[in-house]
Amino acid sequence: MMDQTLQFYKKNNERLVQQYDSVNFKAVHQDWLAYLPSKDALIVDVGAGSGRDVFWLAEHGYKVVAVDPVIEFFEQFKKKSKGSFRDDQIKWVVDSLPDLSKLENYKNQVSMILLSAVWMHLTTQERINSFQTFSTLNNQHGLLVITLRYGASPDERLMYPVSIAEIKSLATQYHYQIKTIERSDDQLSRTEVFWETIVLEKI
């Protein structure tokens, strides 16, 4: 993620947390919920933001590694959680794609990687390198969930064009097969924005 975009998230973290938490987990992620792994599985949420999705997953029996480069999100998350989760339920890691270097200990152990509203911030080369990272972390038959945002950036955040075709090409290169592709409207009612969700399985 470019520094310009990262600084936007740091500067606006409080407002963005309110925005993210204004819609619930199921409303945002209904397109892939049927693919959730069995309880107690390890899920990595890359770009965890406010922790909305992390909370839901932990409350429903999953072990979650929450990854975000914005430490201010982590600080807000700690205030909201108030010690309500055990250390073995949620681990927060300040890190970013494409390398996720702080997750080296999780190689071949991750049942699902969630990448929600992140892909559009990565350059072409970062996306290629990210897929290599995903392949290293996912266990055999592990799942990768990526949401693609269509629509121009409303502010100084850098957003690059996305496409299912690009994901398909990278999936072939890094030995993933597509499970489903779903299109949905924006949950914040932005008429100029729509989403596609793609679920992939490591084979």
N, C-alpha and C. Protein backbone atom coordinates (compact mmCIF):
# COMPACT_ATOMS: atom_id res chain seq x y z
N MET A 1 0.85 -1.20 0.00
CA MET A 1 0.00 0.00 0.00
C MET A 1 0.89 1.24 0.00
N MET A 2 0.57 2.19 -0.88
CA MET A 2 1.37 3.39 -0.98
C MET A 2 1.22 4.25 0.28
N ASP A 3 2.28 5.01 0.61
CA ASP A 3 2.28 5.81 1.83
C ASP A 3 1.14 6.82 1.85
N GLN A 4 0.81 7.38 0.71
CA GLN A 4 -0.29 8.35 0.61
C GLN A 4 -1.60 7.75 1.13
N THR A 5 -1.86 6.51 0.75
CA THR A 5 -3.08 5.82 1.18
C THR A 5 -3.01 5.46 2.65
N LEU A 6 -1.86 4.98 3.08
CA LEU A 6 -1.68 4.61 4.48
C LEU A 6 -1.89 5.82 5.39
N GLN A 7 -1.36 6.96 5.00
CA GLN A 7 -1.51 8.17 5.81
C GLN A 7 -2.98 8.60 5.91
N PHE A 8 -3.74 8.38 4.85
CA PHE A 8 -5.17 8.71 4.89
C PHE A 8 -5.87 7.87 5.97
N TYR A 9 -5.57 6.57 6.00
CA TYR A 9 -6.19 5.70 6.98
C TYR A 9 -5.77 6.07 8.40
N LYS A 10 -4.52 6.43 8.57
CA LYS A 10 -4.06 6.84 9.89
C LYS A 10 -4.75 8.11 10.36
N LYS A 11 -4.84 9.08 9.48
CA LYS A 11 -5.40 10.39 9.83
C LYS A 11 -6.91 10.32 10.09
N ASN A 12 -7.59 9.42 9.39
CA ASN A 12 -9.06 9.36 9.46
C ASN A 12 -9.56 8.11 10.17
N ASN A 13 -8.73 7.50 11.00
CA ASN A 13 -9.08 6.20 11.56
C ASN A 13 -10.36 6.21 12.39
N GLU A 14 -10.61 7.25 13.16
CA GLU A 14 -11.80 7.28 14.01
C GLU A 14 -13.08 7.34 13.17
N ARG A 15 -13.08 8.20 12.16
CA ARG A 15 -14.25 8.30 11.29
C ARG A 15 -14.47 7.01 10.52
N LEU A 16 -13.39 6.40 10.07
CA LEU A 16 -13.51 5.17 9.29
C LEU A 16 -14.01 4.01 10.13
N VAL A 17 -13.60 3.94 11.37
CA VAL A 17 -14.10 2.88 12.26
C VAL A 17 -15.61 2.99 12.40
N GLN A 18 -16.09 4.20 12.59
CA GLN A 18 -17.54 4.40 12.68
C GLN A 18 -18.24 3.96 11.39
N GLN A 19 -17.64 4.28 10.26
CA GLN A 19 -18.21 3.90 8.97
C GLN A 19 -18.25 2.38 8.82
N TYR A 20 -17.12 1.71 9.10
CA TYR A 20 -17.05 0.26 8.95
C TYR A 20 -18.05 -0.44 9.88
N ASP A 21 -18.16 0.06 11.10
CA ASP A 21 -19.03 -0.58 12.09
C ASP A 21 -20.51 -0.27 11.88
N SER A 22 -20.82 0.62 10.94
CA SER A 22 -22.22 0.97 10.70
C SER A 22 -22.96 -0.12 9.92
N VAL A 23 -22.22 -1.07 9.34
CA VAL A 23 -22.84 -2.21 8.66
C VAL A 23 -22.34 -3.49 9.31
N ASN A 24 -23.21 -4.49 9.39
CA ASN A 24 -22.81 -5.70 10.12
C ASN A 24 -22.11 -6.71 9.22
N PHE A 25 -21.45 -7.63 9.87
CA PHE A 25 -20.62 -8.62 9.18
C PHE A 25 -21.42 -9.40 8.13
N LYS A 26 -22.58 -9.91 8.50
CA LYS A 26 -23.34 -10.75 7.58
C LYS A 26 -23.81 -9.99 6.35
N ALA A 27 -24.18 -8.74 6.53
CA ALA A 27 -24.62 -7.93 5.40
C ALA A 27 -23.50 -7.75 4.39
N VAL A 28 -22.29 -7.52 4.89
CA VAL A 28 -21.14 -7.28 4.01
C VAL A 28 -20.66 -8.57 3.35
N HIS A 29 -20.69 -9.67 4.10
CA HIS A 29 -20.01 -10.90 3.65
C HIS A 29 -20.93 -12.06 3.32
N GLN A 30 -22.20 -11.77 3.08
CA GLN A 30 -23.16 -12.85 2.82
C GLN A 30 -22.80 -13.70 1.61
N ASP A 31 -22.02 -13.16 0.66
CA ASP A 31 -21.71 -13.89 -0.57
C ASP A 31 -20.77 -15.06 -0.36
N TRP A 32 -20.04 -15.10 0.75
CA TRP A 32 -19.10 -16.20 0.93
C TRP A 32 -19.27 -16.96 2.24
N LEU A 33 -20.26 -16.63 3.04
CA LEU A 33 -20.41 -17.26 4.35
C LEU A 33 -20.58 -18.78 4.27
N ALA A 34 -21.15 -19.25 3.18
CA ALA A 34 -21.35 -20.69 3.03
C ALA A 34 -20.02 -21.45 2.96
N TYR A 35 -18.93 -20.75 2.74
CA TYR A 35 -17.63 -21.40 2.60
C TYR A 35 -16.78 -21.33 3.87
N LEU A 36 -17.35 -20.81 4.95
CA LEU A 36 -16.59 -20.76 6.20
C LEU A 36 -16.09 -22.15 6.58
N PRO A 37 -14.85 -22.27 7.02
CA PRO A 37 -14.33 -23.58 7.43
C PRO A 37 -14.95 -24.02 8.76
N SER A 38 -14.59 -25.21 9.20
CA SER A 38 -15.11 -25.72 10.47
C SER A 38 -14.59 -24.87 11.63
N LYS A 39 -15.35 -24.88 12.72
CA LYS A 39 -15.00 -24.07 13.89
C LYS A 39 -13.60 -24.44 14.39
N ASP A 40 -12.95 -23.49 15.00
CA ASP A 40 -11.60 -23.60 15.54
C ASP A 40 -10.52 -23.51 14.46
N ALA A 41 -10.93 -23.31 13.20
CA ALA A 41 -9.97 -23.13 12.12
C ALA A 41 -9.28 -21.78 12.27
N LEU A 42 -8.11 -21.66 11.65
CA LEU A 42 -7.35 -20.41 11.68
C LEU A 42 -7.70 -19.55 10.47
N ILE A 43 -8.15 -18.33 10.72
CA ILE A 43 -8.49 -17.38 9.66
C ILE A 43 -7.60 -16.15 9.81
N VAL A 44 -7.04 -15.69 8.70
CA VAL A 44 -6.26 -14.46 8.68
C VAL A 44 -7.08 -13.39 7.98
N ASP A 45 -7.35 -12.30 8.68
CA ASP A 45 -8.08 -11.16 8.13
C ASP A 45 -7.07 -10.08 7.79
N VAL A 46 -6.78 -9.92 6.50
CA VAL A 46 -5.78 -8.95 6.05
C VAL A 46 -6.48 -7.63 5.74
N GLY A 47 -6.07 -6.56 6.44
CA GLY A 47 -6.77 -5.29 6.33
C GLY A 47 -7.95 -5.29 7.28
N ALA A 48 -7.69 -5.68 8.52
CA ALA A 48 -8.76 -5.92 9.50
C ALA A 48 -9.48 -4.65 9.93
N GLY A 49 -8.86 -3.50 9.75
CA GLY A 49 -9.54 -2.23 10.02
C GLY A 49 -10.08 -2.12 11.43
N SER A 50 -11.37 -1.89 11.54
CA SER A 50 -12.01 -1.65 12.84
C SER A 50 -12.10 -2.90 13.69
N GLY A 51 -11.88 -4.06 13.08
CA GLY A 51 -12.03 -5.31 13.83
C GLY A 51 -13.43 -5.87 13.80
N ARG A 52 -14.33 -5.25 13.04
CA ARG A 52 -15.71 -5.73 12.95
C ARG A 52 -15.78 -7.21 12.57
N ASP A 53 -15.05 -7.59 11.53
CA ASP A 53 -15.09 -8.97 11.06
C ASP A 53 -14.36 -9.90 12.02
N VAL A 54 -13.29 -9.39 12.61
CA VAL A 54 -12.52 -10.17 13.58
C VAL A 54 -13.39 -10.55 14.77
N PHE A 55 -14.14 -9.59 15.30
CA PHE A 55 -15.04 -9.85 16.42
C PHE A 55 -16.02 -10.98 16.07
N TRP A 56 -16.65 -10.85 14.92
CA TRP A 56 -17.67 -11.84 14.54
C TRP A 56 -17.06 -13.23 14.44
N LEU A 57 -15.93 -13.33 13.78
CA LEU A 57 -15.29 -14.63 13.59
C LEU A 57 -14.87 -15.25 14.92
N ALA A 58 -14.30 -14.44 15.80
CA ALA A 58 -13.88 -14.95 17.11
C ALA A 58 -15.08 -15.39 17.94
N GLU A 59 -16.15 -14.62 17.86
CA GLU A 59 -17.37 -14.96 18.61
C GLU A 59 -18.00 -16.26 18.10
N HIS A 60 -17.71 -16.63 16.86
CA HIS A 60 -18.29 -17.84 16.28
C HIS A 60 -17.29 -19.00 16.23
N GLY A 61 -16.28 -18.93 17.07
CA GLY A 61 -15.44 -20.10 17.30
C GLY A 61 -14.19 -20.22 16.47
N TYR A 62 -13.79 -19.15 15.78
CA TYR A 62 -12.58 -19.22 14.97
C TYR A 62 -11.40 -18.56 15.67
N LYS A 63 -10.21 -19.04 15.36
CA LYS A 63 -8.99 -18.37 15.77
C LYS A 63 -8.64 -17.38 14.65
N VAL A 64 -8.35 -16.14 15.02
CA VAL A 64 -8.18 -15.10 14.02
C VAL A 64 -6.86 -14.37 14.21
N VAL A 65 -6.13 -14.23 13.12
CA VAL A 65 -4.99 -13.33 13.08
C VAL A 65 -5.44 -12.10 12.31
N ALA A 66 -5.51 -10.97 12.99
CA ALA A 66 -5.96 -9.71 12.38
C ALA A 66 -4.74 -8.91 11.97
N VAL A 67 -4.66 -8.59 10.69
CA VAL A 67 -3.48 -7.89 10.15
C VAL A 67 -3.91 -6.54 9.60
N ASP A 68 -3.20 -5.50 9.99
CA ASP A 68 -3.43 -4.17 9.43
C ASP A 68 -2.18 -3.34 9.62
N PRO A 69 -1.84 -2.49 8.65
CA PRO A 69 -0.66 -1.64 8.80
C PRO A 69 -0.91 -0.40 9.65
N VAL A 70 -2.18 -0.14 10.01
CA VAL A 70 -2.54 1.07 10.73
C VAL A 70 -2.68 0.75 12.23
N ILE A 71 -1.68 1.11 13.01
CA ILE A 71 -1.70 0.78 14.43
C ILE A 71 -2.84 1.48 15.17
N GLU A 72 -3.30 2.61 14.64
CA GLU A 72 -4.42 3.33 15.25
C GLU A 72 -5.69 2.47 15.25
N PHE A 73 -5.89 1.65 14.21
CA PHE A 73 -7.03 0.73 14.20
C PHE A 73 -6.90 -0.28 15.33
N PHE A 74 -5.70 -0.77 15.52
CA PHE A 74 -5.44 -1.74 16.58
C PHE A 74 -5.76 -1.14 17.94
N GLU A 75 -5.36 0.10 18.16
CA GLU A 75 -5.61 0.75 19.45
C GLU A 75 -7.11 0.92 19.71
N GLN A 76 -7.87 1.25 18.67
CA GLN A 76 -9.32 1.36 18.83
C GLN A 76 -9.94 -0.02 19.09
N PHE A 77 -9.42 -1.02 18.42
CA PHE A 77 -9.90 -2.38 18.59
C PHE A 77 -9.72 -2.84 20.04
N LYS A 78 -8.57 -2.55 20.62
CA LYS A 78 -8.32 -2.95 22.01
C LYS A 78 -9.30 -2.30 22.96
N LYS A 79 -9.64 -1.03 22.71
CA LYS A 79 -10.60 -0.33 23.56
C LYS A 79 -11.98 -0.98 23.47
N LYS A 80 -12.38 -1.36 22.27
CA LYS A 80 -13.70 -1.96 22.08
C LYS A 80 -13.79 -3.36 22.67
N SER A 81 -12.72 -4.12 22.54
CA SER A 81 -12.76 -5.51 22.99
C SER A 81 -12.69 -5.63 24.51
N LYS A 82 -11.97 -4.69 25.16
CA LYS A 82 -11.88 -4.64 26.63
C LYS A 82 -11.58 -6.01 27.24
N GLY A 83 -10.65 -6.72 26.63
CA GLY A 83 -10.22 -7.99 27.17
C GLY A 83 -11.24 -9.10 27.07
N SER A 84 -12.22 -8.98 26.16
CA SER A 84 -13.28 -9.98 26.07
C SER A 84 -12.88 -11.23 25.31
N PHE A 85 -11.69 -11.22 24.69
CA PHE A 85 -11.22 -12.39 23.98
C PHE A 85 -9.88 -12.85 24.54
N ARG A 86 -9.67 -14.17 24.55
CA ARG A 86 -8.40 -14.73 25.00
C ARG A 86 -7.32 -14.48 23.95
N ASP A 87 -6.07 -14.53 24.39
CA ASP A 87 -4.96 -14.31 23.47
C ASP A 87 -4.91 -15.36 22.36
N ASP A 88 -5.43 -16.57 22.64
CA ASP A 88 -5.39 -17.60 21.61
C ASP A 88 -6.56 -17.49 20.63
N GLN A 89 -7.48 -16.56 20.89
CA GLN A 89 -8.59 -16.35 19.96
C GLN A 89 -8.25 -15.31 18.90
N ILE A 90 -7.66 -14.22 19.31
CA ILE A 90 -7.33 -13.13 18.39
C ILE A 90 -5.89 -12.68 18.61
N LYS A 91 -5.15 -12.62 17.52
CA LYS A 91 -3.81 -12.04 17.56
C LYS A 91 -3.77 -10.92 16.54
N TRP A 92 -3.40 -9.73 16.97
CA TRP A 92 -3.34 -8.57 16.07
C TRP A 92 -1.89 -8.34 15.67
N VAL A 93 -1.65 -8.22 14.38
CA VAL A 93 -0.31 -8.05 13.84
C VAL A 93 -0.27 -6.80 12.97
N VAL A 94 0.63 -5.88 13.27
CA VAL A 94 0.81 -4.68 12.44
C VAL A 94 1.74 -5.07 11.29
N ASP A 95 1.17 -5.27 10.11
CA ASP A 95 1.93 -5.75 8.96
C ASP A 95 1.10 -5.44 7.70
N SER A 96 1.67 -5.66 6.54
CA SER A 96 0.95 -5.34 5.31
C SER A 96 1.41 -6.23 4.17
N LEU A 97 0.57 -6.31 3.16
CA LEU A 97 0.92 -6.98 1.92
C LEU A 97 1.93 -6.13 1.15
N PRO A 98 2.74 -6.75 0.29
CA PRO A 98 2.58 -8.13 -0.18
C PRO A 98 3.28 -9.21 0.65
N ASP A 99 4.16 -8.86 1.55
CA ASP A 99 5.01 -9.88 2.18
C ASP A 99 4.41 -10.54 3.41
N LEU A 100 3.68 -9.78 4.23
CA LEU A 100 3.19 -10.30 5.52
C LEU A 100 4.31 -11.05 6.25
N SER A 101 5.44 -10.39 6.36
CA SER A 101 6.64 -11.05 6.90
C SER A 101 6.49 -11.50 8.34
N LYS A 102 5.58 -10.88 9.09
CA LYS A 102 5.39 -11.25 10.49
C LYS A 102 4.53 -12.50 10.67
N LEU A 103 4.06 -13.07 9.57
CA LEU A 103 3.24 -14.28 9.65
C LEU A 103 4.00 -15.53 9.24
N GLU A 104 5.32 -15.46 9.25
CA GLU A 104 6.14 -16.60 8.81
C GLU A 104 5.82 -17.87 9.58
N ASN A 105 5.44 -17.74 10.84
CA ASN A 105 5.15 -18.93 11.66
C ASN A 105 3.85 -19.62 11.28
N TYR A 106 3.07 -19.02 10.37
CA TYR A 106 1.77 -19.59 10.01
C TYR A 106 1.79 -20.27 8.64
N LYS A 107 2.95 -20.53 8.10
CA LYS A 107 3.04 -21.15 6.78
C LYS A 107 2.29 -22.48 6.75
N ASN A 108 1.46 -22.65 5.72
CA ASN A 108 0.69 -23.88 5.49
C ASN A 108 -0.27 -24.21 6.63
N GLN A 109 -0.67 -23.22 7.42
CA GLN A 109 -1.56 -23.47 8.55
C GLN A 109 -2.91 -22.76 8.45
N VAL A 110 -3.08 -21.89 7.48
CA VAL A 110 -4.24 -21.00 7.44
C VAL A 110 -5.36 -21.62 6.60
N SER A 111 -6.54 -21.77 7.23
CA SER A 111 -7.69 -22.36 6.54
C SER A 111 -8.42 -21.36 5.65
N MET A 112 -8.36 -20.09 6.01
CA MET A 112 -9.00 -19.05 5.19
C MET A 112 -8.27 -17.73 5.34
N ILE A 113 -8.05 -17.06 4.22
CA ILE A 113 -7.51 -15.70 4.21
C ILE A 113 -8.61 -14.79 3.68
N LEU A 114 -8.95 -13.77 4.45
CA LEU A 114 -9.97 -12.81 4.05
C LEU A 114 -9.30 -11.50 3.67
N LEU A 115 -9.59 -11.04 2.47
CA LEU A 115 -9.02 -9.80 1.95
C LEU A 115 -10.18 -8.92 1.50
N SER A 116 -10.73 -8.16 2.44
CA SER A 116 -11.92 -7.37 2.19
C SER A 116 -11.56 -5.90 2.00
N ALA A 117 -11.90 -5.36 0.83
CA ALA A 117 -11.66 -3.94 0.52
C ALA A 117 -10.19 -3.55 0.64
N VAL A 118 -9.32 -4.42 0.12
CA VAL A 118 -7.88 -4.17 0.15
C VAL A 118 -7.27 -4.22 -1.25
N TRP A 119 -7.76 -5.13 -2.08
CA TRP A 119 -7.11 -5.43 -3.36
C TRP A 119 -6.90 -4.19 -4.23
N MET A 120 -7.85 -3.27 -4.21
CA MET A 120 -7.78 -2.09 -5.09
C MET A 120 -6.64 -1.15 -4.70
N HIS A 121 -6.08 -1.33 -3.49
CA HIS A 121 -4.97 -0.47 -3.05
C HIS A 121 -3.60 -1.01 -3.47
N LEU A 122 -3.56 -2.20 -4.06
CA LEU A 122 -2.28 -2.82 -4.41
C LEU A 122 -1.95 -2.62 -5.88
N THR A 123 -0.68 -2.39 -6.15
CA THR A 123 -0.22 -2.29 -7.53
C THR A 123 -0.18 -3.68 -8.16
N THR A 124 0.01 -3.71 -9.47
CA THR A 124 0.07 -5.00 -10.18
C THR A 124 1.14 -5.90 -9.61
N GLN A 125 2.33 -5.36 -9.37
CA GLN A 125 3.42 -6.19 -8.84
C GLN A 125 3.12 -6.63 -7.41
N GLU A 126 2.53 -5.75 -6.62
CA GLU A 126 2.16 -6.13 -5.26
C GLU A 126 1.13 -7.25 -5.25
N ARG A 127 0.24 -7.25 -6.22
CA ARG A 127 -0.77 -8.31 -6.30
C ARG A 127 -0.12 -9.65 -6.64
N ILE A 128 0.82 -9.63 -7.56
CA ILE A 128 1.53 -10.86 -7.90
C ILE A 128 2.26 -11.41 -6.67
N ASN A 129 3.00 -10.54 -5.99
CA ASN A 129 3.74 -10.97 -4.80
C ASN A 129 2.80 -11.41 -3.68
N SER A 130 1.63 -10.77 -3.60
CA SER A 130 0.67 -11.14 -2.57
C SER A 130 0.15 -12.55 -2.78
N PHE A 131 -0.09 -12.93 -4.02
CA PHE A 131 -0.57 -14.28 -4.28
C PHE A 131 0.46 -15.33 -3.88
N GLN A 132 1.71 -15.01 -4.07
CA GLN A 132 2.76 -15.92 -3.61
C GLN A 132 2.70 -16.07 -2.10
N THR A 133 2.46 -14.96 -1.38
CA THR A 133 2.32 -15.00 0.07
C THR A 133 1.12 -15.83 0.48
N PHE A 134 -0.02 -15.62 -0.19
CA PHE A 134 -1.23 -16.39 0.13
C PHE A 134 -0.97 -17.89 0.00
N SER A 135 -0.32 -18.27 -1.10
CA SER A 135 -0.05 -19.67 -1.36
C SER A 135 0.84 -20.29 -0.29
N THR A 136 1.73 -19.49 0.24
CA THR A 136 2.62 -19.96 1.31
C THR A 136 1.87 -20.16 2.62
N LEU A 137 0.91 -19.29 2.90
CA LEU A 137 0.19 -19.35 4.18
C LEU A 137 -0.95 -20.37 4.17
N ASN A 138 -1.70 -20.45 3.09
CA ASN A 138 -2.85 -21.36 3.03
C ASN A 138 -2.41 -22.82 3.15
N ASN A 139 -3.17 -23.59 3.92
CA ASN A 139 -2.94 -25.02 3.92
C ASN A 139 -3.59 -25.64 2.67
N GLN A 140 -3.38 -26.95 2.47
CA GLN A 140 -3.98 -27.60 1.32
C GLN A 140 -5.51 -27.51 1.42
N HIS A 141 -6.15 -27.06 0.36
CA HIS A 141 -7.58 -26.80 0.30
C HIS A 141 -7.99 -25.58 1.13
N GLY A 142 -7.00 -24.80 1.56
CA GLY A 142 -7.31 -23.55 2.24
C GLY A 142 -7.98 -22.57 1.29
N LEU A 143 -8.80 -21.68 1.84
CA LEU A 143 -9.59 -20.76 1.03
C LEU A 143 -9.02 -19.34 1.06
N LEU A 144 -9.25 -18.64 -0.02
CA LEU A 144 -8.85 -17.24 -0.16
C LEU A 144 -10.08 -16.48 -0.64
N VAL A 145 -10.49 -15.46 0.13
CA VAL A 145 -11.66 -14.66 -0.21
C VAL A 145 -11.20 -13.23 -0.49
N ILE A 146 -11.46 -12.76 -1.70
CA ILE A 146 -11.05 -11.42 -2.10
C ILE A 146 -12.27 -10.64 -2.58
N THR A 147 -12.44 -9.43 -2.06
CA THR A 147 -13.51 -8.56 -2.57
C THR A 147 -12.89 -7.50 -3.46
N LEU A 148 -13.53 -7.28 -4.60
CA LEU A 148 -13.04 -6.31 -5.58
C LEU A 148 -13.98 -5.11 -5.60
N ARG A 149 -13.41 -3.92 -5.42
CA ARG A 149 -14.19 -2.69 -5.41
C ARG A 149 -14.12 -2.01 -6.78
N TYR A 150 -15.28 -1.71 -7.34
CA TYR A 150 -15.36 -0.99 -8.61
C TYR A 150 -15.93 0.40 -8.34
N GLY A 151 -15.26 1.42 -8.83
CA GLY A 151 -15.67 2.79 -8.59
C GLY A 151 -14.46 3.64 -8.23
N ALA A 152 -14.46 4.88 -8.65
CA ALA A 152 -13.33 5.77 -8.43
C ALA A 152 -13.13 6.08 -6.95
N SER A 153 -11.90 6.39 -6.58
CA SER A 153 -11.61 6.78 -5.21
C SER A 153 -12.28 8.12 -4.90
N PRO A 154 -12.93 8.24 -3.73
CA PRO A 154 -13.60 9.49 -3.39
C PRO A 154 -12.70 10.51 -2.71
N ASP A 155 -11.44 10.16 -2.50
CA ASP A 155 -10.53 11.02 -1.74
C ASP A 155 -9.10 10.75 -2.20
N GLU A 156 -8.11 11.05 -1.34
CA GLU A 156 -6.71 10.92 -1.76
C GLU A 156 -6.17 9.50 -1.74
N ARG A 157 -6.97 8.54 -1.31
CA ARG A 157 -6.54 7.15 -1.36
C ARG A 157 -6.32 6.71 -2.80
N LEU A 158 -5.23 6.01 -3.05
CA LEU A 158 -4.96 5.48 -4.38
C LEU A 158 -5.70 4.16 -4.55
N MET A 159 -6.47 4.05 -5.64
CA MET A 159 -7.18 2.82 -5.96
C MET A 159 -6.91 2.47 -7.41
N TYR A 160 -6.44 1.25 -7.63
CA TYR A 160 -6.08 0.80 -8.97
C TYR A 160 -7.19 -0.07 -9.56
N PRO A 161 -7.28 -0.14 -10.89
CA PRO A 161 -8.32 -0.97 -11.52
C PRO A 161 -8.22 -2.43 -11.08
N VAL A 162 -9.36 -3.06 -10.93
CA VAL A 162 -9.41 -4.48 -10.54
C VAL A 162 -10.21 -5.24 -11.58
N SER A 163 -10.02 -6.56 -11.63
CA SER A 163 -10.79 -7.38 -12.56
C SER A 163 -10.75 -8.84 -12.14
N ILE A 164 -11.82 -9.54 -12.47
CA ILE A 164 -11.86 -10.97 -12.24
C ILE A 164 -10.82 -11.68 -13.12
N ALA A 165 -10.61 -11.17 -14.32
CA ALA A 165 -9.64 -11.79 -15.24
C ALA A 165 -8.25 -11.83 -14.62
N GLU A 166 -7.85 -10.75 -13.95
CA GLU A 166 -6.54 -10.72 -13.31
C GLU A 166 -6.46 -11.77 -12.20
N ILE A 167 -7.52 -11.87 -11.40
CA ILE A 167 -7.54 -12.86 -10.32
C ILE A 167 -7.45 -14.27 -10.89
N LYS A 168 -8.18 -14.53 -11.96
CA LYS A 168 -8.14 -15.87 -12.58
C LYS A 168 -6.74 -16.22 -13.05
N SER A 169 -6.05 -15.25 -13.65
CA SER A 169 -4.69 -15.49 -14.12
C SER A 169 -3.74 -15.81 -12.98
N LEU A 170 -3.83 -15.04 -11.90
CA LEU A 170 -2.98 -15.28 -10.74
C LEU A 170 -3.34 -16.60 -10.06
N ALA A 171 -4.62 -16.92 -10.03
CA ALA A 171 -5.06 -18.18 -9.43
C ALA A 171 -4.43 -19.37 -10.15
N THR A 172 -4.43 -19.32 -11.47
CA THR A 172 -3.82 -20.40 -12.25
C THR A 172 -2.32 -20.51 -11.96
N GLN A 173 -1.67 -19.37 -11.88
CA GLN A 173 -0.23 -19.35 -11.65
C GLN A 173 0.15 -19.92 -10.29
N TYR A 174 -0.70 -19.67 -9.29
CA TYR A 174 -0.35 -20.07 -7.92
C TYR A 174 -1.22 -21.21 -7.39
N HIS A 175 -1.85 -21.95 -8.31
CA HIS A 175 -2.53 -23.21 -7.98
C HIS A 175 -3.74 -23.02 -7.07
N TYR A 176 -4.60 -22.10 -7.46
CA TYR A 176 -5.90 -21.94 -6.81
C TYR A 176 -6.99 -22.22 -7.84
N GLN A 177 -8.11 -22.78 -7.38
CA GLN A 177 -9.27 -22.92 -8.24
C GLN A 177 -10.41 -22.06 -7.71
N ILE A 178 -11.23 -21.56 -8.61
CA ILE A 178 -12.32 -20.68 -8.23
C ILE A 178 -13.53 -21.49 -7.76
N LYS A 179 -14.05 -21.11 -6.60
CA LYS A 179 -15.24 -21.76 -6.05
C LYS A 179 -16.50 -21.00 -6.44
N THR A 180 -16.46 -19.69 -6.36
CA THR A 180 -17.63 -18.88 -6.71
C THR A 180 -17.21 -17.44 -6.97
N ILE A 181 -18.02 -16.74 -7.76
CA ILE A 181 -17.87 -15.30 -8.01
C ILE A 181 -19.25 -14.68 -7.84
N GLU A 182 -19.35 -13.66 -6.99
CA GLU A 182 -20.64 -13.03 -6.73
C GLU A 182 -20.50 -11.51 -6.86
N ARG A 183 -21.55 -10.89 -7.40
CA ARG A 183 -21.58 -9.42 -7.49
C ARG A 183 -22.60 -8.87 -6.51
N SER A 184 -22.29 -7.71 -5.90
CA SER A 184 -23.22 -7.12 -4.93
C SER A 184 -23.14 -5.60 -4.96
N ASP A 185 -24.21 -4.97 -4.51
CA ASP A 185 -24.24 -3.52 -4.38
C ASP A 185 -23.45 -3.10 -3.14
N ASP A 186 -23.14 -1.84 -3.07
CA ASP A 186 -22.38 -1.30 -1.94
C ASP A 186 -23.27 -1.19 -0.71
N GLN A 187 -22.78 -1.70 0.44
CA GLN A 187 -23.57 -1.69 1.67
C GLN A 187 -23.69 -0.30 2.29
N LEU A 188 -22.88 0.64 1.83
CA LEU A 188 -22.98 2.02 2.30
C LEU A 188 -23.83 2.87 1.36
N SER A 189 -24.52 2.19 0.44
CA SER A 189 -25.47 2.85 -0.49
C SER A 189 -24.81 3.86 -1.42
N ARG A 190 -23.55 3.64 -1.76
CA ARG A 190 -22.88 4.49 -2.74
C ARG A 190 -23.23 3.96 -4.13
N THR A 191 -24.02 4.70 -4.87
CA THR A 191 -24.52 4.20 -6.15
C THR A 191 -23.43 4.03 -7.19
N GLU A 192 -22.33 4.75 -7.02
CA GLU A 192 -21.23 4.67 -7.99
C GLU A 192 -20.26 3.52 -7.70
N VAL A 193 -20.53 2.76 -6.64
CA VAL A 193 -19.64 1.69 -6.22
C VAL A 193 -20.39 0.36 -6.23
N PHE A 194 -19.73 -0.69 -6.77
CA PHE A 194 -20.25 -2.05 -6.60
C PHE A 194 -19.07 -2.99 -6.35
N TRP A 195 -19.39 -4.21 -5.94
CA TRP A 195 -18.36 -5.15 -5.49
C TRP A 195 -18.52 -6.50 -6.19
N GLU A 196 -17.41 -7.18 -6.34
CA GLU A 196 -17.42 -8.60 -6.70
C GLU A 196 -16.60 -9.36 -5.67
N THR A 197 -17.12 -10.49 -5.26
CA THR A 197 -16.42 -11.34 -4.30
C THR A 197 -16.03 -12.62 -5.00
N ILE A 198 -14.80 -13.01 -4.85
CA ILE A 198 -14.31 -14.26 -5.44
C ILE A 198 -13.73 -15.14 -4.34
N VAL A 199 -14.17 -16.39 -4.31
CA VAL A 199 -13.67 -17.37 -3.35
C VAL A 199 -12.83 -18.38 -4.11
N LEU A 200 -11.61 -18.59 -3.64
CA LEU A 200 -10.68 -19.52 -4.29
C LEU A 200 -10.20 -20.56 -3.30
N GLU A 201 -9.84 -21.72 -3.82
CA GLU A 201 -9.34 -22.82 -2.99
C GLU A 201 -7.96 -23.23 -3.48
N LYS A 202 -7.02 -23.39 -2.55
CA LYS A 202 -5.67 -23.84 -2.92
C LYS A 202 -5.70 -25.34 -3.23
N ILE A 203 -5.18 -25.69 -4.39
CA ILE A 203 -5.21 -27.09 -4.82
C ILE A 203 -3.80 -27.63 -5.04
